[in-house]
Amino acid sequence: MINKNASHQSRNYIFDLLKIILTFLVVNIHIRNVTHGKVNFLEPYGYYAVPLFVTLSFFLMNKYFSQIKLSFSVILLRIKRLVLPLIFWSGVGFLLKPNLINIKNIFLQLFTGKVVDTPLYYLNLLIFLTLIFWLITYLPTKLRIPLYFVIIIAAFILEYTGFNTSFFNPMGDEIRKSYGQIVELIKYASLGILFRTLVNQNKKRVILFSLVRSSLSLLLIFKFPQPWGYNYSGMRLFLGTILILSSILLIEQVNFSEKINKVINIFASYSFGVYLCHIIFFETLLQIFPNVTTFNSSYPFILLFIYTISCYIFCFLFDHLTLKKLSYLVK
């Protein structure tokens, strides 16, 4: 039986706080995209959100992917956990955009997540990556770490040679953006597993400090060229992700008060739901209240705060009003 107090104390609230910050940064980008507003100083940091989400996800899932011949039943539960919100929020998206309902769009939505409520592509991404890394568990253990590095190197080769974009660009908009991004983001799944392996080493603090110093030095000294891609290509984004995660793992635990920890935990748990629903609801909000665009032009950060908190409140109320029987849709 797990000791609840011990579990509570061992929880890394810095990870939870990072999820909340990243969620605000994602919403900031999408509000600007939908309203066609001006780029603000937060936006460049927002592009670290999805890479960090993927890295953290596979960092935490390494307990499964480190096993030998992981049972498909475990993966099936994970995929079910991703497919159900994909179907639900896709349905909400089509209800709010009935003009897009047809067989082709429904098929594309389920396999790309890019027709309605575009953040849903993240669920497709996790499904594909989960299947790929499940297959890797059937390889000998000694081959896995070298393979993770090969995946990272291969992803960069595809980006910097332009093969990724030249292959996917002729395809439909939904396919090229969804699967082109999968190719760009697979290296972050490998990175998450490698970081988890690193944390289990005896000299992890020395290695983490070296990663912080080397990644920061490379970012400051070299001006890495940015390849064409689908938002997540390039060395700078990769090194920045290493820098952020290494720094957080060096900090390890921050002792907030119990009440603050509880609030952070609640917000972090609903970040998943906010990520999935924020665009479709914001687009609907603009249709009802078009003056929101004007308000955003004058007070972008006030709107960002109010709207994101409103999405968190919605997810919290949805979870409790359904008696937590549908928690998997927002948590």
C-alpha atoms as a PDB file:
ATOM      1  CA  MET A   1       0.000   0.000   0.000  1.00  0.00           C
ATOM      2  CA  ILE A   2       1.366   3.449  -0.937  1.00  0.00           C
ATOM      3  CA  ASN A   3       1.883   5.907   1.873  1.00  0.00           C
ATOM      4  CA  LYS A   4      -0.083   8.978   0.788  1.00  0.00           C
ATOM      5  CA  ASN A   5       2.085  11.383   2.730  1.00  0.00           C
ATOM      6  CA  ALA A   6       5.238   9.956   1.244  1.00  0.00           C
ATOM      7  CA  SER A   7       3.728  10.119  -2.222  1.00  0.00           C
ATOM      8  CA  HIS A   8       2.651  13.705  -1.619  1.00  0.00           C
ATOM      9  CA  GLN A   9       6.124  14.712  -0.475  1.00  0.00           C
ATOM     10  CA  SER A  10       7.885  13.006  -3.379  1.00  0.00           C
ATOM     11  CA  ARG A  11       5.727  14.707  -6.013  1.00  0.00           C
ATOM     12  CA  ASN A  12       7.698  17.164  -8.109  1.00  0.00           C
ATOM     13  CA  TYR A  13       5.615  20.331  -7.987  1.00  0.00           C
ATOM     14  CA  ILE A  14       8.079  22.097 -10.265  1.00  0.00           C
ATOM     15  CA  PHE A  15       6.838  19.806 -13.059  1.00  0.00           C
ATOM     16  CA  ASP A  16       3.264  20.754 -12.192  1.00  0.00           C
ATOM     17  CA  LEU A  17       4.132  24.446 -12.189  1.00  0.00           C
ATOM     18  CA  LEU A  18       5.862  24.048 -15.541  1.00  0.00           C
ATOM     19  CA  LYS A  19       2.708  22.467 -17.024  1.00  0.00           C
ATOM     20  CA  ILE A  20       0.636  25.469 -15.933  1.00  0.00           C
ATOM     21  CA  ILE A  21       3.121  27.984 -17.357  1.00  0.00           C
ATOM     22  CA  LEU A  22       3.348  26.073 -20.645  1.00  0.00           C
ATOM     23  CA  THR A  23      -0.450  25.969 -20.900  1.00  0.00           C
ATOM     24  CA  PHE A  24      -0.646  29.758 -20.573  1.00  0.00           C
ATOM     25  CA  LEU A  25       2.045  30.109 -23.246  1.00  0.00           C
ATOM     26  CA  VAL A  26       0.155  27.830 -25.660  1.00  0.00           C
ATOM     27  CA  VAL A  27      -3.108  29.708 -25.144  1.00  0.00           C
ATOM     28  CA  ASN A  28      -1.230  32.980 -25.716  1.00  0.00           C
ATOM     29  CA  ILE A  29      -0.040  31.814 -29.157  1.00  0.00           C
ATOM     30  CA  HIS A  30      -3.452  30.537 -30.187  1.00  0.00           C
ATOM     31  CA  ILE A  31      -5.301  33.672 -29.083  1.00  0.00           C
ATOM     32  CA  ARG A  32      -2.939  35.679 -31.261  1.00  0.00           C
ATOM     33  CA  ASN A  33      -3.420  33.287 -34.185  1.00  0.00           C
ATOM     34  CA  VAL A  34      -7.211  33.362 -33.969  1.00  0.00           C
ATOM     35  CA  THR A  35      -7.468  37.145 -33.499  1.00  0.00           C
ATOM     36  CA  HIS A  36      -4.594  37.887 -35.926  1.00  0.00           C
ATOM     37  CA  GLY A  37      -3.099  40.093 -33.240  1.00  0.00           C
ATOM     38  CA  LYS A  38       0.435  41.314 -32.730  1.00  0.00           C
ATOM     39  CA  VAL A  39       3.178  38.991 -31.563  1.00  0.00           C
ATOM     40  CA  ASN A  40       4.011  39.696 -27.906  1.00  0.00           C
ATOM     41  CA  PHE A  41       7.165  38.948 -25.951  1.00  0.00           C
ATOM     42  CA  LEU A  42       5.757  35.664 -24.577  1.00  0.00           C
ATOM     43  CA  GLU A  43       5.206  34.034 -27.957  1.00  0.00           C
ATOM     44  CA  PRO A  44       8.770  32.827 -28.686  1.00  0.00           C
ATOM     45  CA  TYR A  45       8.724  30.916 -25.403  1.00  0.00           C
ATOM     46  CA  GLY A  46       5.417  29.286 -26.327  1.00  0.00           C
ATOM     47  CA  TYR A  47       7.085  27.149 -28.983  1.00  0.00           C
ATOM     48  CA  TYR A  48       8.870  25.266 -26.216  1.00  0.00           C
ATOM     49  CA  ALA A  49       5.529  24.081 -24.822  1.00  0.00           C
ATOM     50  CA  VAL A  50       4.775  21.055 -27.011  1.00  0.00           C
ATOM     51  CA  PRO A  51       8.404  19.782 -27.064  1.00  0.00           C
ATOM     52  CA  LEU A  52       8.477  20.036 -23.277  1.00  0.00           C
ATOM     53  CA  PHE A  53       5.075  18.365 -22.943  1.00  0.00           C
ATOM     54  CA  VAL A  54       6.279  15.457 -25.109  1.00  0.00           C
ATOM     55  CA  THR A  55       9.593  15.220 -23.248  1.00  0.00           C
ATOM     56  CA  LEU A  56       7.881  15.237 -19.853  1.00  0.00           C
ATOM     57  CA  SER A  57       5.290  12.698 -20.997  1.00  0.00           C
ATOM     58  CA  PHE A  58       7.917  10.151 -22.056  1.00  0.00           C
ATOM     59  CA  PHE A  59      10.121  11.025 -19.076  1.00  0.00           C
ATOM     60  CA  LEU A  60       7.255   9.931 -16.824  1.00  0.00           C
ATOM     61  CA  MET A  61       6.296   6.936 -19.016  1.00  0.00           C
ATOM     62  CA  ASN A  62       9.795   5.468 -19.017  1.00  0.00           C
ATOM     63  CA  LYS A  63       8.721   3.113 -16.219  1.00  0.00           C
ATOM     64  CA  TYR A  64       6.772   1.309 -18.944  1.00  0.00           C
ATOM     65  CA  PHE A  65       9.172   1.727 -21.849  1.00  0.00           C
ATOM     66  CA  SER A  66      12.118   0.486 -19.797  1.00  0.00           C
ATOM     67  CA  GLN A  67      10.421  -2.912 -19.442  1.00  0.00           C
ATOM     68  CA  ILE A  68      11.251  -5.939 -21.551  1.00  0.00           C
ATOM     69  CA  LYS A  69       8.504  -6.793 -24.054  1.00  0.00           C
ATOM     70  CA  LEU A  70       5.913  -4.490 -22.540  1.00  0.00           C
ATOM     71  CA  SER A  71       2.469  -6.065 -22.721  1.00  0.00           C
ATOM     72  CA  PHE A  72       0.227  -4.582 -25.403  1.00  0.00           C
ATOM     73  CA  SER A  73      -2.618  -4.509 -22.861  1.00  0.00           C
ATOM     74  CA  VAL A  74      -0.766  -1.734 -21.026  1.00  0.00           C
ATOM     75  CA  ILE A  75      -0.360   0.227 -24.257  1.00  0.00           C
ATOM     76  CA  LEU A  76      -3.998  -0.406 -25.144  1.00  0.00           C
ATOM     77  CA  LEU A  77      -5.090   1.291 -21.922  1.00  0.00           C
ATOM     78  CA  ARG A  78      -2.863   4.249 -22.743  1.00  0.00           C
ATOM     79  CA  ILE A  79      -4.243   4.506 -26.278  1.00  0.00           C
ATOM     80  CA  LYS A  80      -7.819   4.277 -24.981  1.00  0.00           C
ATOM     81  CA  ARG A  81      -6.960   7.111 -22.586  1.00  0.00           C
ATOM     82  CA  LEU A  82      -5.996   9.209 -25.632  1.00  0.00           C
ATOM     83  CA  VAL A  83      -8.637   8.093 -28.139  1.00  0.00           C
ATOM     84  CA  LEU A  84     -11.657   8.875 -25.942  1.00  0.00           C
ATOM     85  CA  PRO A  85     -10.880  12.596 -25.524  1.00  0.00           C
ATOM     86  CA  LEU A  86      -9.943  12.736 -29.226  1.00  0.00           C
ATOM     87  CA  ILE A  87     -13.418  11.464 -30.161  1.00  0.00           C
ATOM     88  CA  PHE A  88     -15.219  13.608 -27.579  1.00  0.00           C
ATOM     89  CA  TRP A  89     -13.546  16.933 -28.361  1.00  0.00           C
ATOM     90  CA  SER A  90     -13.662  16.242 -32.091  1.00  0.00           C
ATOM     91  CA  GLY A  91     -17.418  15.767 -31.676  1.00  0.00           C
ATOM     92  CA  VAL A  92     -17.667  19.075 -29.813  1.00  0.00           C
ATOM     93  CA  GLY A  93     -15.666  20.723 -32.577  1.00  0.00           C
ATOM     94  CA  PHE A  94     -17.976  19.431 -35.306  1.00  0.00           C
ATOM     95  CA  LEU A  95     -21.059  20.474 -33.312  1.00  0.00           C
ATOM     96  CA  LEU A  96     -19.696  24.016 -33.125  1.00  0.00           C
ATOM     97  CA  LYS A  97     -18.655  23.914 -36.801  1.00  0.00           C
ATOM     98  CA  PRO A  98     -21.432  21.896 -38.474  1.00  0.00           C
ATOM     99  CA  ASN A  99     -20.465  23.183 -41.928  1.00  0.00           C
ATOM    100  CA  LEU A 100     -17.343  21.000 -41.723  1.00  0.00           C
ATOM    101  CA  ILE A 101     -19.204  17.751 -41.110  1.00  0.00           C
ATOM    102  CA  ASN A 102     -18.613  15.221 -43.884  1.00  0.00           C
ATOM    103  CA  ILE A 103     -17.058  11.760 -44.082  1.00  0.00           C
ATOM    104  CA  LYS A 104     -13.705  13.027 -45.350  1.00  0.00           C
ATOM    105  CA  ASN A 105     -13.346  15.617 -42.581  1.00  0.00           C
ATOM    106  CA  ILE A 106     -14.393  13.169 -39.861  1.00  0.00           C
ATOM    107  CA  PHE A 107     -11.784  10.695 -41.094  1.00  0.00           C
ATOM    108  CA  LEU A 108      -9.107  13.412 -41.299  1.00  0.00           C
ATOM    109  CA  GLN A 109      -9.988  14.701 -37.846  1.00  0.00           C
ATOM    110  CA  LEU A 110      -9.627  11.301 -36.214  1.00  0.00           C
ATOM    111  CA  PHE A 111      -6.293  10.597 -37.915  1.00  0.00           C
ATOM    112  CA  THR A 112      -4.755  14.091 -37.855  1.00  0.00           C
ATOM    113  CA  GLY A 113      -6.694  16.167 -35.297  1.00  0.00           C
ATOM    114  CA  LYS A 114      -6.308  19.180 -37.580  1.00  0.00           C
ATOM    115  CA  VAL A 115      -9.793  19.779 -39.045  1.00  0.00           C
ATOM    116  CA  VAL A 116     -11.557  21.122 -35.954  1.00  0.00           C
ATOM    117  CA  ASP A 117      -9.940  21.995 -32.627  1.00  0.00           C
ATOM    118  CA  THR A 118      -6.384  21.742 -33.958  1.00  0.00           C
ATOM    119  CA  PRO A 119      -4.637  21.020 -30.587  1.00  0.00           C
ATOM    120  CA  LEU A 120      -6.158  17.547 -30.808  1.00  0.00           C
ATOM    121  CA  TYR A 121      -3.309  16.579 -33.131  1.00  0.00           C
ATOM    122  CA  TYR A 122      -1.311  16.221 -29.906  1.00  0.00           C
ATOM    123  CA  LEU A 123      -3.395  13.152 -29.022  1.00  0.00           C
ATOM    124  CA  ASN A 124      -2.640  11.578 -32.410  1.00  0.00           C
ATOM    125  CA  LEU A 125       1.009  12.403 -31.850  1.00  0.00           C
ATOM    126  CA  LEU A 126       1.063  10.627 -28.480  1.00  0.00           C
ATOM    127  CA  ILE A 127      -0.752   7.594 -29.909  1.00  0.00           C
ATOM    128  CA  PHE A 128       1.791   7.149 -32.716  1.00  0.00           C
ATOM    129  CA  LEU A 129       4.798   7.765 -30.476  1.00  0.00           C
ATOM    130  CA  THR A 130       3.453   5.395 -27.832  1.00  0.00           C
ATOM    131  CA  LEU A 131       3.148   2.620 -30.417  1.00  0.00           C
ATOM    132  CA  ILE A 132       6.651   3.271 -31.774  1.00  0.00           C
ATOM    133  CA  PHE A 133       8.315   3.199 -28.364  1.00  0.00           C
ATOM    134  CA  TRP A 134       6.273   0.164 -27.307  1.00  0.00           C
ATOM    135  CA  LEU A 135       7.797  -1.723 -30.256  1.00  0.00           C
ATOM    136  CA  ILE A 136      11.256  -0.700 -29.070  1.00  0.00           C
ATOM    137  CA  THR A 137      10.648  -2.599 -25.800  1.00  0.00           C
ATOM    138  CA  TYR A 138      10.929  -5.790 -27.857  1.00  0.00           C
ATOM    139  CA  LEU A 139      14.541  -4.976 -28.704  1.00  0.00           C
ATOM    140  CA  PRO A 140      17.444  -6.044 -26.470  1.00  0.00           C
ATOM    141  CA  THR A 141      17.980  -3.542 -23.651  1.00  0.00           C
ATOM    142  CA  LYS A 142      21.549  -2.777 -24.727  1.00  0.00           C
ATOM    143  CA  LEU A 143      20.339  -1.549 -28.133  1.00  0.00           C
ATOM    144  CA  ARG A 144      17.725   0.887 -26.856  1.00  0.00           C
ATOM    145  CA  ILE A 145      19.821   3.850 -25.730  1.00  0.00           C
ATOM    146  CA  PRO A 146      21.867   3.877 -28.959  1.00  0.00           C
ATOM    147  CA  LEU A 147      18.572   3.689 -30.873  1.00  0.00           C
ATOM    148  CA  TYR A 148      17.172   6.709 -29.005  1.00  0.00           C
ATOM    149  CA  PHE A 149      20.224   8.697 -30.103  1.00  0.00           C
ATOM    150  CA  VAL A 150      19.795   7.424 -33.663  1.00  0.00           C
ATOM    151  CA  ILE A 151      16.178   8.631 -33.646  1.00  0.00           C
ATOM    152  CA  ILE A 152      17.291  12.099 -32.533  1.00  0.00           C
ATOM    153  CA  ILE A 153      20.029  12.299 -35.164  1.00  0.00           C
ATOM    154  CA  ALA A 154      17.718  10.972 -37.890  1.00  0.00           C
ATOM    155  CA  ALA A 155      15.074  13.590 -37.030  1.00  0.00           C
ATOM    156  CA  PHE A 156      17.656  16.375 -37.395  1.00  0.00           C
ATOM    157  CA  ILE A 157      18.877  14.953 -40.705  1.00  0.00           C
ATOM    158  CA  LEU A 158      15.304  14.914 -42.044  1.00  0.00           C
ATOM    159  CA  GLU A 159      14.825  18.516 -40.899  1.00  0.00           C
ATOM    160  CA  TYR A 160      18.084  20.041 -42.103  1.00  0.00           C
ATOM    161  CA  THR A 161      18.107  18.238 -45.437  1.00  0.00           C
ATOM    162  CA  GLY A 162      14.559  19.468 -46.035  1.00  0.00           C
ATOM    163  CA  PHE A 163      13.354  15.921 -46.663  1.00  0.00           C
ATOM    164  CA  ASN A 164      10.603  16.190 -44.041  1.00  0.00           C
ATOM    165  CA  THR A 165       9.009  19.271 -45.587  1.00  0.00           C
ATOM    166  CA  SER A 166       9.558  18.182 -49.196  1.00  0.00           C
ATOM    167  CA  PHE A 167       7.871  14.847 -48.435  1.00  0.00           C
ATOM    168  CA  PHE A 168       4.846  16.186 -46.546  1.00  0.00           C
ATOM    169  CA  ASN A 169       4.241  19.564 -48.242  1.00  0.00           C
ATOM    170  CA  PRO A 170       2.533  18.090 -51.340  1.00  0.00           C
ATOM    171  CA  MET A 171       0.011  16.390 -49.065  1.00  0.00           C
ATOM    172  CA  GLY A 172      -3.147  17.971 -47.679  1.00  0.00           C
ATOM    173  CA  ASP A 173      -2.795  20.708 -45.077  1.00  0.00           C
ATOM    174  CA  GLU A 174      -4.069  18.514 -42.237  1.00  0.00           C
ATOM    175  CA  ILE A 175      -1.757  15.593 -43.089  1.00  0.00           C
ATOM    176  CA  ARG A 176       1.411  17.595 -43.664  1.00  0.00           C
ATOM    177  CA  LYS A 177       1.063  19.582 -40.443  1.00  0.00           C
ATOM    178  CA  SER A 178       0.112  16.622 -38.278  1.00  0.00           C
ATOM    179  CA  TYR A 179       2.557  13.994 -39.546  1.00  0.00           C
ATOM    180  CA  GLY A 180       5.272  16.511 -40.349  1.00  0.00           C
ATOM    181  CA  GLN A 181       5.137  17.532 -36.700  1.00  0.00           C
ATOM    182  CA  ILE A 182       5.305  13.902 -35.579  1.00  0.00           C
ATOM    183  CA  VAL A 183       8.641  13.586 -37.405  1.00  0.00           C
ATOM    184  CA  GLU A 184       9.882  16.772 -35.710  1.00  0.00           C
ATOM    185  CA  LEU A 185       8.681  15.785 -32.238  1.00  0.00           C
ATOM    186  CA  ILE A 186       9.775  12.151 -32.093  1.00  0.00           C
ATOM    187  CA  LYS A 187      13.229  13.274 -30.972  1.00  0.00           C
ATOM    188  CA  TYR A 188      11.660  14.789 -27.839  1.00  0.00           C
ATOM    189  CA  ALA A 189      10.126  11.426 -26.898  1.00  0.00           C
ATOM    190  CA  SER A 190      13.624   9.932 -27.106  1.00  0.00           C
ATOM    191  CA  LEU A 191      14.960  12.860 -25.104  1.00  0.00           C
ATOM    192  CA  GLY A 192      12.432  12.262 -22.325  1.00  0.00           C
ATOM    193  CA  ILE A 193      13.397   8.608 -21.988  1.00  0.00           C
ATOM    194  CA  LEU A 194      17.111   9.475 -22.030  1.00  0.00           C
ATOM    195  CA  PHE A 195      16.580  12.058 -19.286  1.00  0.00           C
ATOM    196  CA  ARG A 196      14.722   9.501 -17.160  1.00  0.00           C
ATOM    197  CA  THR A 197      17.617   7.069 -17.621  1.00  0.00           C
ATOM    198  CA  LEU A 198      20.013   9.849 -16.662  1.00  0.00           C
ATOM    199  CA  VAL A 199      18.153  10.652 -13.437  1.00  0.00           C
ATOM    200  CA  ASN A 200      18.679   7.055 -12.321  1.00  0.00           C
ATOM    201  CA  GLN A 201      22.490   7.435 -12.528  1.00  0.00           C
ATOM    202  CA  ASN A 202      24.662   7.949  -9.434  1.00  0.00           C
ATOM    203  CA  LYS A 203      26.358  11.082 -10.803  1.00  0.00           C
ATOM    204  CA  LYS A 204      23.173  12.633 -12.159  1.00  0.00           C
ATOM    205  CA  ARG A 205      23.803  16.111 -10.667  1.00  0.00           C
ATOM    206  CA  VAL A 206      27.230  16.343 -12.281  1.00  0.00           C
ATOM    207  CA  ILE A 207      25.793  15.275 -15.631  1.00  0.00           C
ATOM    208  CA  LEU A 208      22.790  17.617 -15.323  1.00  0.00           C
ATOM    209  CA  PHE A 209      25.042  20.549 -14.465  1.00  0.00           C
ATOM    210  CA  SER A 210      27.180  19.720 -17.500  1.00  0.00           C
ATOM    211  CA  LEU A 211      24.072  19.657 -19.689  1.00  0.00           C
ATOM    212  CA  VAL A 212      22.929  23.044 -18.368  1.00  0.00           C
ATOM    213  CA  ARG A 213      26.342  24.581 -18.946  1.00  0.00           C
ATOM    214  CA  SER A 214      26.912  23.042 -22.386  1.00  0.00           C
ATOM    215  CA  SER A 215      23.405  23.727 -23.749  1.00  0.00           C
ATOM    216  CA  LEU A 216      23.496  27.333 -22.513  1.00  0.00           C
ATOM    217  CA  SER A 217      26.976  27.848 -23.953  1.00  0.00           C
ATOM    218  CA  LEU A 218      25.965  26.472 -27.342  1.00  0.00           C
ATOM    219  CA  LEU A 219      22.868  28.682 -27.439  1.00  0.00           C
ATOM    220  CA  LEU A 220      24.902  31.782 -26.582  1.00  0.00           C
ATOM    221  CA  ILE A 221      27.891  31.107 -28.830  1.00  0.00           C
ATOM    222  CA  PHE A 222      26.411  29.609 -31.999  1.00  0.00           C
ATOM    223  CA  LYS A 223      23.719  30.957 -34.247  1.00  0.00           C
ATOM    224  CA  PHE A 224      22.165  27.715 -35.424  1.00  0.00           C
ATOM    225  CA  PRO A 225      20.372  27.897 -38.777  1.00  0.00           C
ATOM    226  CA  GLN A 226      16.637  27.355 -38.588  1.00  0.00           C
ATOM    227  CA  PRO A 227      15.390  24.720 -41.054  1.00  0.00           C
ATOM    228  CA  TRP A 228      11.997  24.932 -42.691  1.00  0.00           C
ATOM    229  CA  GLY A 229       9.491  22.911 -40.745  1.00  0.00           C
ATOM    230  CA  TYR A 230       6.248  22.719 -38.837  1.00  0.00           C
ATOM    231  CA  ASN A 231       7.060  24.807 -35.714  1.00  0.00           C
ATOM    232  CA  TYR A 232       9.260  22.266 -33.903  1.00  0.00           C
ATOM    233  CA  SER A 233      12.325  21.858 -36.089  1.00  0.00           C
ATOM    234  CA  GLY A 234      15.840  23.071 -35.408  1.00  0.00           C
ATOM    235  CA  MET A 235      18.693  22.788 -32.947  1.00  0.00           C
ATOM    236  CA  ARG A 236      17.896  25.895 -30.882  1.00  0.00           C
ATOM    237  CA  LEU A 237      14.536  24.547 -29.749  1.00  0.00           C
ATOM    238  CA  PHE A 238      16.117  21.206 -28.876  1.00  0.00           C
ATOM    239  CA  LEU A 239      18.951  22.757 -26.856  1.00  0.00           C
ATOM    240  CA  GLY A 240      16.506  25.090 -25.123  1.00  0.00           C
ATOM    241  CA  THR A 241      14.396  22.102 -24.093  1.00  0.00           C
ATOM    242  CA  ILE A 242      17.493  20.364 -22.702  1.00  0.00           C
ATOM    243  CA  LEU A 243      18.429  23.529 -20.802  1.00  0.00           C
ATOM    244  CA  ILE A 244      14.976  23.931 -19.238  1.00  0.00           C
ATOM    245  CA  LEU A 245      14.529  20.292 -18.240  1.00  0.00           C
ATOM    246  CA  SER A 246      18.104  19.947 -16.923  1.00  0.00           C
ATOM    247  CA  SER A 247      17.633  23.078 -14.798  1.00  0.00           C
ATOM    248  CA  ILE A 248      14.352  21.787 -13.370  1.00  0.00           C
ATOM    249  CA  LEU A 249      15.860  18.397 -12.540  1.00  0.00           C
ATOM    250  CA  LEU A 250      18.764  20.134 -10.811  1.00  0.00           C
ATOM    251  CA  ILE A 251      16.328  22.105  -8.669  1.00  0.00           C
ATOM    252  CA  GLU A 252      14.467  18.859  -7.881  1.00  0.00           C
ATOM    253  CA  GLN A 253      12.044  19.957  -5.160  1.00  0.00           C
ATOM    254  CA  VAL A 254      10.862  23.379  -4.039  1.00  0.00           C
ATOM    255  CA  ASN A 255       9.136  23.474  -0.671  1.00  0.00           C
ATOM    256  CA  PHE A 256       5.903  25.371  -1.181  1.00  0.00           C
ATOM    257  CA  SER A 257       3.285  25.415   1.545  1.00  0.00           C
ATOM    258  CA  GLU A 258       0.768  22.573   1.560  1.00  0.00           C
ATOM    259  CA  LYS A 259      -2.028  24.886   0.351  1.00  0.00           C
ATOM    260  CA  ILE A 260       0.058  26.216  -2.539  1.00  0.00           C
ATOM    261  CA  ASN A 261       1.064  22.669  -3.493  1.00  0.00           C
ATOM    262  CA  LYS A 262      -2.603  21.685  -3.560  1.00  0.00           C
ATOM    263  CA  VAL A 263      -3.536  24.620  -5.801  1.00  0.00           C
ATOM    264  CA  ILE A 264      -0.628  23.901  -8.145  1.00  0.00           C
ATOM    265  CA  ASN A 265      -1.609  20.242  -8.294  1.00  0.00           C
ATOM    266  CA  ILE A 266      -5.254  21.048  -9.126  1.00  0.00           C
ATOM    267  CA  PHE A 267      -4.344  23.496 -11.890  1.00  0.00           C
ATOM    268  CA  ALA A 268      -1.717  21.176 -13.356  1.00  0.00           C
ATOM    269  CA  SER A 269      -4.114  18.242 -13.432  1.00  0.00           C
ATOM    270  CA  TYR A 270      -6.538  20.211 -15.629  1.00  0.00           C
ATOM    271  CA  SER A 271      -3.883  21.607 -17.992  1.00  0.00           C
ATOM    272  CA  PHE A 272      -4.569  18.669 -20.299  1.00  0.00           C
ATOM    273  CA  GLY A 273      -8.229  19.674 -20.613  1.00  0.00           C
ATOM    274  CA  VAL A 274      -7.419  23.352 -21.118  1.00  0.00           C
ATOM    275  CA  TYR A 275      -5.010  22.432 -23.899  1.00  0.00           C
ATOM    276  CA  LEU A 276      -7.666  20.372 -25.675  1.00  0.00           C
ATOM    277  CA  CYS A 277     -10.609  22.779 -25.419  1.00  0.00           C
ATOM    278  CA  HIS A 278      -9.225  26.323 -25.462  1.00  0.00           C
ATOM    279  CA  ILE A 279      -9.166  26.982 -29.235  1.00  0.00           C
ATOM    280  CA  ILE A 280     -12.613  25.635 -30.085  1.00  0.00           C
ATOM    281  CA  PHE A 281     -14.195  27.607 -27.250  1.00  0.00           C
ATOM    282  CA  PHE A 282     -12.281  30.773 -28.100  1.00  0.00           C
ATOM    283  CA  GLU A 283     -13.342  30.605 -31.750  1.00  0.00           C
ATOM    284  CA  THR A 284     -16.956  30.251 -30.574  1.00  0.00           C
ATOM    285  CA  LEU A 285     -16.498  33.152 -28.164  1.00  0.00           C
ATOM    286  CA  LEU A 286     -15.321  35.372 -31.020  1.00  0.00           C
ATOM    287  CA  GLN A 287     -18.379  34.498 -33.083  1.00  0.00           C
ATOM    288  CA  ILE A 288     -20.657  35.569 -30.229  1.00  0.00           C
ATOM    289  CA  PHE A 289     -18.567  38.545 -29.054  1.00  0.00           C
ATOM    290  CA  PRO A 290     -16.428  39.816 -31.968  1.00  0.00           C
ATOM    291  CA  ASN A 291     -15.304  42.802 -29.861  1.00  0.00           C
ATOM    292  CA  VAL A 292     -13.038  40.391 -27.974  1.00  0.00           C
ATOM    293  CA  THR A 293     -10.557  40.966 -30.826  1.00  0.00           C
ATOM    294  CA  THR A 294     -10.474  44.684 -30.051  1.00  0.00           C
ATOM    295  CA  PHE A 295     -10.072  43.997 -26.338  1.00  0.00           C
ATOM    296  CA  ASN A 296      -7.174  41.652 -27.073  1.00  0.00           C
ATOM    297  CA  SER A 297      -5.432  44.362 -29.114  1.00  0.00           C
ATOM    298  CA  SER A 298      -5.501  46.706 -26.117  1.00  0.00           C
ATOM    299  CA  TYR A 299      -5.176  44.283 -23.197  1.00  0.00           C
ATOM    300  CA  PRO A 300      -3.687  41.001 -24.470  1.00  0.00           C
ATOM    301  CA  PHE A 301      -2.339  39.793 -21.136  1.00  0.00           C
ATOM    302  CA  ILE A 302      -5.538  40.548 -19.254  1.00  0.00           C
ATOM    303  CA  LEU A 303      -7.497  38.545 -21.837  1.00  0.00           C
ATOM    304  CA  LEU A 304      -4.917  35.744 -21.689  1.00  0.00           C
ATOM    305  CA  PHE A 305      -5.230  35.508 -17.916  1.00  0.00           C
ATOM    306  CA  ILE A 306      -9.028  35.752 -17.777  1.00  0.00           C
ATOM    307  CA  TYR A 307      -9.627  33.326 -20.621  1.00  0.00           C
ATOM    308  CA  THR A 308      -7.099  30.702 -19.499  1.00  0.00           C
ATOM    309  CA  ILE A 309      -8.394  30.760 -15.923  1.00  0.00           C
ATOM    310  CA  SER A 310     -11.931  30.446 -17.316  1.00  0.00           C
ATOM    311  CA  CYS A 311     -10.865  27.319 -19.214  1.00  0.00           C
ATOM    312  CA  TYR A 312      -9.391  25.879 -16.027  1.00  0.00           C
ATOM    313  CA  ILE A 313     -12.635  26.621 -14.175  1.00  0.00           C
ATOM    314  CA  PHE A 314     -14.647  24.987 -16.962  1.00  0.00           C
ATOM    315  CA  CYS A 315     -12.544  21.809 -16.782  1.00  0.00           C
ATOM    316  CA  PHE A 316     -12.825  21.735 -12.991  1.00  0.00           C
ATOM    317  CA  LEU A 317     -16.616  22.173 -13.077  1.00  0.00           C
ATOM    318  CA  PHE A 318     -17.012  19.662 -15.916  1.00  0.00           C
ATOM    319  CA  ASP A 319     -15.078  17.085 -13.912  1.00  0.00           C
ATOM    320  CA  HIS A 320     -17.057  17.604 -10.714  1.00  0.00           C
ATOM    321  CA  LEU A 321     -20.504  18.011 -12.294  1.00  0.00           C
ATOM    322  CA  THR A 322     -20.001  14.668 -14.046  1.00  0.00           C
ATOM    323  CA  LEU A 323     -19.013  13.206 -10.658  1.00  0.00           C
ATOM    324  CA  LYS A 324     -15.502  12.588 -12.002  1.00  0.00           C
ATOM    325  CA  LYS A 325     -16.791   9.768 -14.194  1.00  0.00           C
ATOM    326  CA  LEU A 326     -15.497  11.576 -17.276  1.00  0.00           C
ATOM    327  CA  SER A 327     -12.237  12.845 -15.788  1.00  0.00           C
ATOM    328  CA  TYR A 328     -10.265  11.309 -18.655  1.00  0.00           C
ATOM    329  CA  LEU A 329     -11.707  14.005 -20.953  1.00  0.00           C
ATOM    330  CA  VAL A 330     -10.121  16.889 -19.037  1.00  0.00           C
ATOM    331  CA  LYS A 331      -7.317  15.360 -16.928  1.00  0.00           C
END
